[in-house]
Amino acid sequence: FSNQDFTGAQLARVDPGVNFNWNGGAPDTRIGSDTFSARWTGKVKPMFNETYTFHTTTDDGVRLWVNGQQLIDDWTLHGMTERSGSITL
């Protein structure tokens, strides 16, 4: 999306994994590097029935849901910050 409020959809793509590193830029040249937002939807297939910890490293806002449960909610302006949350799958 070209805006932080998930408006102005610009592109959609398929990625083999969730490991986005845009090196301080945007995922595409059609999107401003300081105003974009990205939404990823997919499936996580756990290997075992146990607790898994998910990590995000972001510059500015991030929210992460897994299996319908919000694990991370930090929709603030901030420098590069790592957040984590755990869930039993």
N, C-alpha and C. Protein backbone atom coordinates (compact mmCIF):
# COMPACT_ATOMS: atom_id res chain seq x y z
N PHE A 1 0.85 -1.17 0.00
CA PHE A 1 0.00 0.00 0.00
C PHE A 1 0.90 1.23 0.00
N SER A 2 0.46 2.28 -0.65
CA SER A 2 1.29 3.48 -0.71
C SER A 2 1.10 4.39 0.50
N ASN A 3 0.21 4.02 1.42
CA ASN A 3 -0.04 4.82 2.61
C ASN A 3 0.04 3.95 3.85
N GLN A 4 0.30 4.59 4.99
CA GLN A 4 0.44 3.85 6.24
C GLN A 4 -0.88 3.31 6.77
N ASP A 5 -2.00 3.79 6.23
CA ASP A 5 -3.31 3.33 6.72
C ASP A 5 -3.92 2.26 5.81
N PHE A 6 -3.08 1.55 5.07
CA PHE A 6 -3.49 0.46 4.18
C PHE A 6 -4.49 0.91 3.12
N THR A 7 -4.25 2.10 2.56
CA THR A 7 -5.01 2.58 1.41
C THR A 7 -4.04 2.81 0.26
N GLY A 8 -4.58 2.92 -0.93
CA GLY A 8 -3.74 3.16 -2.09
C GLY A 8 -2.98 1.91 -2.52
N ALA A 9 -3.68 0.79 -2.63
CA ALA A 9 -3.02 -0.47 -3.02
C ALA A 9 -2.26 -0.28 -4.32
N GLN A 10 -1.00 -0.69 -4.32
CA GLN A 10 -0.13 -0.51 -5.47
C GLN A 10 0.29 -1.81 -6.13
N LEU A 11 0.50 -2.86 -5.34
CA LEU A 11 0.97 -4.10 -5.93
C LEU A 11 0.67 -5.27 -5.01
N ALA A 12 0.71 -6.43 -5.60
CA ALA A 12 0.59 -7.69 -4.86
C ALA A 12 1.61 -8.64 -5.46
N ARG A 13 2.19 -9.48 -4.64
CA ARG A 13 3.18 -10.43 -5.12
C ARG A 13 3.16 -11.67 -4.24
N VAL A 14 3.80 -12.71 -4.70
CA VAL A 14 3.91 -13.95 -3.95
C VAL A 14 5.37 -14.12 -3.56
N ASP A 15 5.60 -14.31 -2.27
CA ASP A 15 6.95 -14.52 -1.74
C ASP A 15 7.03 -15.91 -1.13
N PRO A 16 8.17 -16.59 -1.27
CA PRO A 16 8.29 -17.94 -0.74
C PRO A 16 8.41 -18.01 0.78
N GLY A 17 8.70 -16.90 1.42
CA GLY A 17 8.83 -16.88 2.87
C GLY A 17 8.57 -15.51 3.41
N VAL A 18 8.53 -15.40 4.72
CA VAL A 18 8.30 -14.13 5.37
C VAL A 18 9.65 -13.66 5.93
N ASN A 19 10.42 -13.02 5.09
CA ASN A 19 11.70 -12.48 5.50
C ASN A 19 11.93 -11.25 4.64
N PHE A 20 11.23 -10.18 4.95
CA PHE A 20 11.29 -8.98 4.15
C PHE A 20 12.37 -8.05 4.67
N ASN A 21 13.33 -7.73 3.85
CA ASN A 21 14.36 -6.77 4.20
C ASN A 21 14.51 -5.83 3.02
N TRP A 22 13.96 -4.64 3.14
CA TRP A 22 13.96 -3.69 2.03
C TRP A 22 15.06 -2.65 2.20
N ASN A 23 16.01 -2.89 3.10
CA ASN A 23 17.19 -2.03 3.28
C ASN A 23 16.85 -0.54 3.39
N GLY A 24 15.88 -0.22 4.20
CA GLY A 24 15.52 1.18 4.42
C GLY A 24 14.71 1.79 3.30
N GLY A 25 14.36 1.00 2.30
CA GLY A 25 13.56 1.50 1.19
C GLY A 25 12.16 0.93 1.25
N ALA A 26 11.54 0.86 0.09
CA ALA A 26 10.19 0.30 -0.03
C ALA A 26 10.28 -0.99 -0.84
N PRO A 27 9.24 -1.81 -0.80
CA PRO A 27 9.28 -3.06 -1.56
C PRO A 27 9.22 -2.88 -3.08
N ASP A 28 8.92 -1.67 -3.53
CA ASP A 28 8.80 -1.41 -4.96
C ASP A 28 9.00 0.09 -5.20
N THR A 29 9.52 0.44 -6.35
CA THR A 29 9.79 1.85 -6.64
C THR A 29 8.53 2.70 -6.79
N ARG A 30 7.37 2.07 -6.95
CA ARG A 30 6.11 2.81 -7.07
C ARG A 30 5.58 3.28 -5.72
N ILE A 31 6.26 2.90 -4.64
CA ILE A 31 5.78 3.20 -3.29
C ILE A 31 6.84 4.02 -2.55
N GLY A 32 6.40 5.08 -1.84
CA GLY A 32 7.31 5.91 -1.08
C GLY A 32 7.91 5.15 0.10
N SER A 33 9.20 5.27 0.32
CA SER A 33 9.87 4.50 1.37
C SER A 33 9.49 4.92 2.79
N ASP A 34 8.95 6.10 2.98
CA ASP A 34 8.58 6.55 4.32
C ASP A 34 7.08 6.53 4.58
N THR A 35 6.28 6.10 3.61
CA THR A 35 4.84 6.16 3.80
C THR A 35 4.11 4.86 3.48
N PHE A 36 4.82 3.79 3.16
CA PHE A 36 4.13 2.57 2.74
C PHE A 36 3.76 1.68 3.92
N SER A 37 2.84 0.76 3.65
CA SER A 37 2.51 -0.30 4.60
C SER A 37 2.42 -1.59 3.80
N ALA A 38 2.71 -2.70 4.45
CA ALA A 38 2.68 -4.01 3.78
C ALA A 38 1.84 -4.95 4.62
N ARG A 39 1.08 -5.78 3.93
CA ARG A 39 0.26 -6.80 4.60
C ARG A 39 0.60 -8.14 3.97
N TRP A 40 0.96 -9.09 4.79
CA TRP A 40 1.27 -10.42 4.31
C TRP A 40 0.24 -11.37 4.90
N THR A 41 -0.32 -12.22 4.06
CA THR A 41 -1.22 -13.25 4.55
C THR A 41 -0.71 -14.59 4.03
N GLY A 42 -0.83 -15.58 4.84
CA GLY A 42 -0.35 -16.90 4.44
C GLY A 42 -0.60 -17.90 5.54
N LYS A 43 0.10 -19.02 5.45
CA LYS A 43 -0.06 -20.08 6.43
C LYS A 43 1.28 -20.43 7.04
N VAL A 44 1.24 -20.72 8.33
CA VAL A 44 2.41 -21.22 9.04
C VAL A 44 2.10 -22.65 9.42
N LYS A 45 2.94 -23.56 9.01
CA LYS A 45 2.72 -24.98 9.30
C LYS A 45 3.74 -25.42 10.33
N PRO A 46 3.32 -25.58 11.59
CA PRO A 46 4.27 -25.98 12.63
C PRO A 46 4.68 -27.44 12.47
N MET A 47 5.92 -27.72 12.82
CA MET A 47 6.41 -29.10 12.73
C MET A 47 5.96 -29.92 13.93
N PHE A 48 5.75 -29.27 15.08
CA PHE A 48 5.39 -29.96 16.30
C PHE A 48 4.32 -29.16 17.04
N ASN A 49 3.60 -29.78 17.95
CA ASN A 49 2.66 -29.10 18.83
C ASN A 49 3.47 -28.54 19.99
N GLU A 50 3.83 -27.26 19.90
CA GLU A 50 4.61 -26.63 20.94
C GLU A 50 4.49 -25.11 20.83
N THR A 51 5.18 -24.40 21.69
CA THR A 51 5.15 -22.94 21.67
C THR A 51 6.20 -22.43 20.70
N TYR A 52 5.78 -21.51 19.82
CA TYR A 52 6.66 -20.90 18.83
C TYR A 52 6.74 -19.40 19.10
N THR A 53 7.92 -18.83 18.92
CA THR A 53 8.12 -17.41 19.09
C THR A 53 8.38 -16.78 17.73
N PHE A 54 7.64 -15.73 17.43
CA PHE A 54 7.78 -15.00 16.18
C PHE A 54 8.42 -13.65 16.49
N HIS A 55 9.31 -13.21 15.60
CA HIS A 55 10.03 -11.96 15.78
C HIS A 55 9.77 -11.03 14.61
N THR A 56 9.72 -9.74 14.90
CA THR A 56 9.69 -8.72 13.86
C THR A 56 10.79 -7.72 14.16
N THR A 57 11.42 -7.21 13.14
CA THR A 57 12.37 -6.12 13.27
C THR A 57 11.91 -5.04 12.31
N THR A 58 11.46 -3.93 12.85
CA THR A 58 10.84 -2.91 12.01
C THR A 58 11.30 -1.51 12.39
N ASP A 59 11.16 -0.64 11.42
CA ASP A 59 11.35 0.79 11.58
C ASP A 59 9.96 1.39 11.44
N ASP A 60 9.35 1.70 12.53
CA ASP A 60 7.99 2.22 12.66
C ASP A 60 7.00 1.09 12.91
N GLY A 61 5.73 1.31 12.66
CA GLY A 61 4.67 0.44 13.14
C GLY A 61 4.70 -0.99 12.65
N VAL A 62 4.27 -1.88 13.54
CA VAL A 62 4.16 -3.30 13.19
C VAL A 62 3.06 -3.95 14.03
N ARG A 63 2.31 -4.80 13.37
CA ARG A 63 1.32 -5.65 14.06
C ARG A 63 1.46 -7.04 13.47
N LEU A 64 1.39 -8.05 14.31
CA LEU A 64 1.52 -9.43 13.84
C LEU A 64 0.46 -10.29 14.48
N TRP A 65 -0.31 -10.96 13.64
CA TRP A 65 -1.31 -11.93 14.07
C TRP A 65 -0.87 -13.30 13.57
N VAL A 66 -1.04 -14.29 14.41
CA VAL A 66 -0.80 -15.68 14.01
C VAL A 66 -1.98 -16.49 14.54
N ASN A 67 -2.61 -17.23 13.64
CA ASN A 67 -3.74 -18.08 14.01
C ASN A 67 -4.86 -17.29 14.69
N GLY A 68 -5.08 -16.06 14.21
CA GLY A 68 -6.14 -15.23 14.75
C GLY A 68 -5.82 -14.55 16.06
N GLN A 69 -4.59 -14.70 16.57
CA GLN A 69 -4.20 -14.08 17.83
C GLN A 69 -3.14 -13.02 17.57
N GLN A 70 -3.36 -11.83 18.11
CA GLN A 70 -2.38 -10.76 17.93
C GLN A 70 -1.21 -10.99 18.89
N LEU A 71 -0.02 -11.14 18.31
CA LEU A 71 1.18 -11.38 19.11
C LEU A 71 1.99 -10.12 19.33
N ILE A 72 1.96 -9.20 18.36
CA ILE A 72 2.73 -7.97 18.45
C ILE A 72 1.83 -6.81 18.04
N ASP A 73 1.83 -5.75 18.83
CA ASP A 73 1.06 -4.55 18.51
C ASP A 73 1.88 -3.33 18.93
N ASP A 74 2.63 -2.79 18.00
CA ASP A 74 3.45 -1.60 18.27
C ASP A 74 3.32 -0.67 17.07
N TRP A 75 2.18 -0.01 16.96
CA TRP A 75 1.89 0.88 15.82
C TRP A 75 2.34 2.29 16.18
N THR A 76 3.65 2.44 16.41
CA THR A 76 4.22 3.73 16.78
C THR A 76 5.38 4.06 15.85
N LEU A 77 5.76 5.32 15.83
CA LEU A 77 6.96 5.73 15.10
C LEU A 77 8.16 5.42 15.98
N HIS A 78 9.10 4.64 15.47
CA HIS A 78 10.28 4.29 16.25
C HIS A 78 11.41 3.89 15.29
N GLY A 79 12.61 3.93 15.79
CA GLY A 79 13.75 3.44 15.03
C GLY A 79 13.72 1.92 14.97
N MET A 80 14.71 1.33 14.31
CA MET A 80 14.76 -0.12 14.16
C MET A 80 14.64 -0.79 15.53
N THR A 81 13.59 -1.60 15.68
CA THR A 81 13.27 -2.24 16.95
C THR A 81 12.83 -3.67 16.70
N GLU A 82 13.28 -4.59 17.56
CA GLU A 82 12.83 -5.98 17.47
C GLU A 82 11.75 -6.21 18.52
N ARG A 83 10.70 -6.87 18.10
CA ARG A 83 9.61 -7.26 18.98
C ARG A 83 9.40 -8.76 18.81
N SER A 84 8.82 -9.40 19.83
CA SER A 84 8.53 -10.83 19.70
C SER A 84 7.25 -11.16 20.43
N GLY A 85 6.67 -12.27 20.05
CA GLY A 85 5.47 -12.78 20.69
C GLY A 85 5.41 -14.28 20.49
N SER A 86 4.81 -14.99 21.42
CA SER A 86 4.78 -16.45 21.38
C SER A 86 3.35 -16.96 21.34
N ILE A 87 3.21 -18.14 20.75
CA ILE A 87 1.91 -18.79 20.65
C ILE A 87 2.12 -20.29 20.58
N THR A 88 1.21 -21.03 21.18
CA THR A 88 1.25 -22.49 21.08
C THR A 88 0.48 -22.92 19.85
N LEU A 89 1.14 -23.66 18.99
CA LEU A 89 0.52 -24.14 17.75
C LEU A 89 0.51 -25.66 17.76
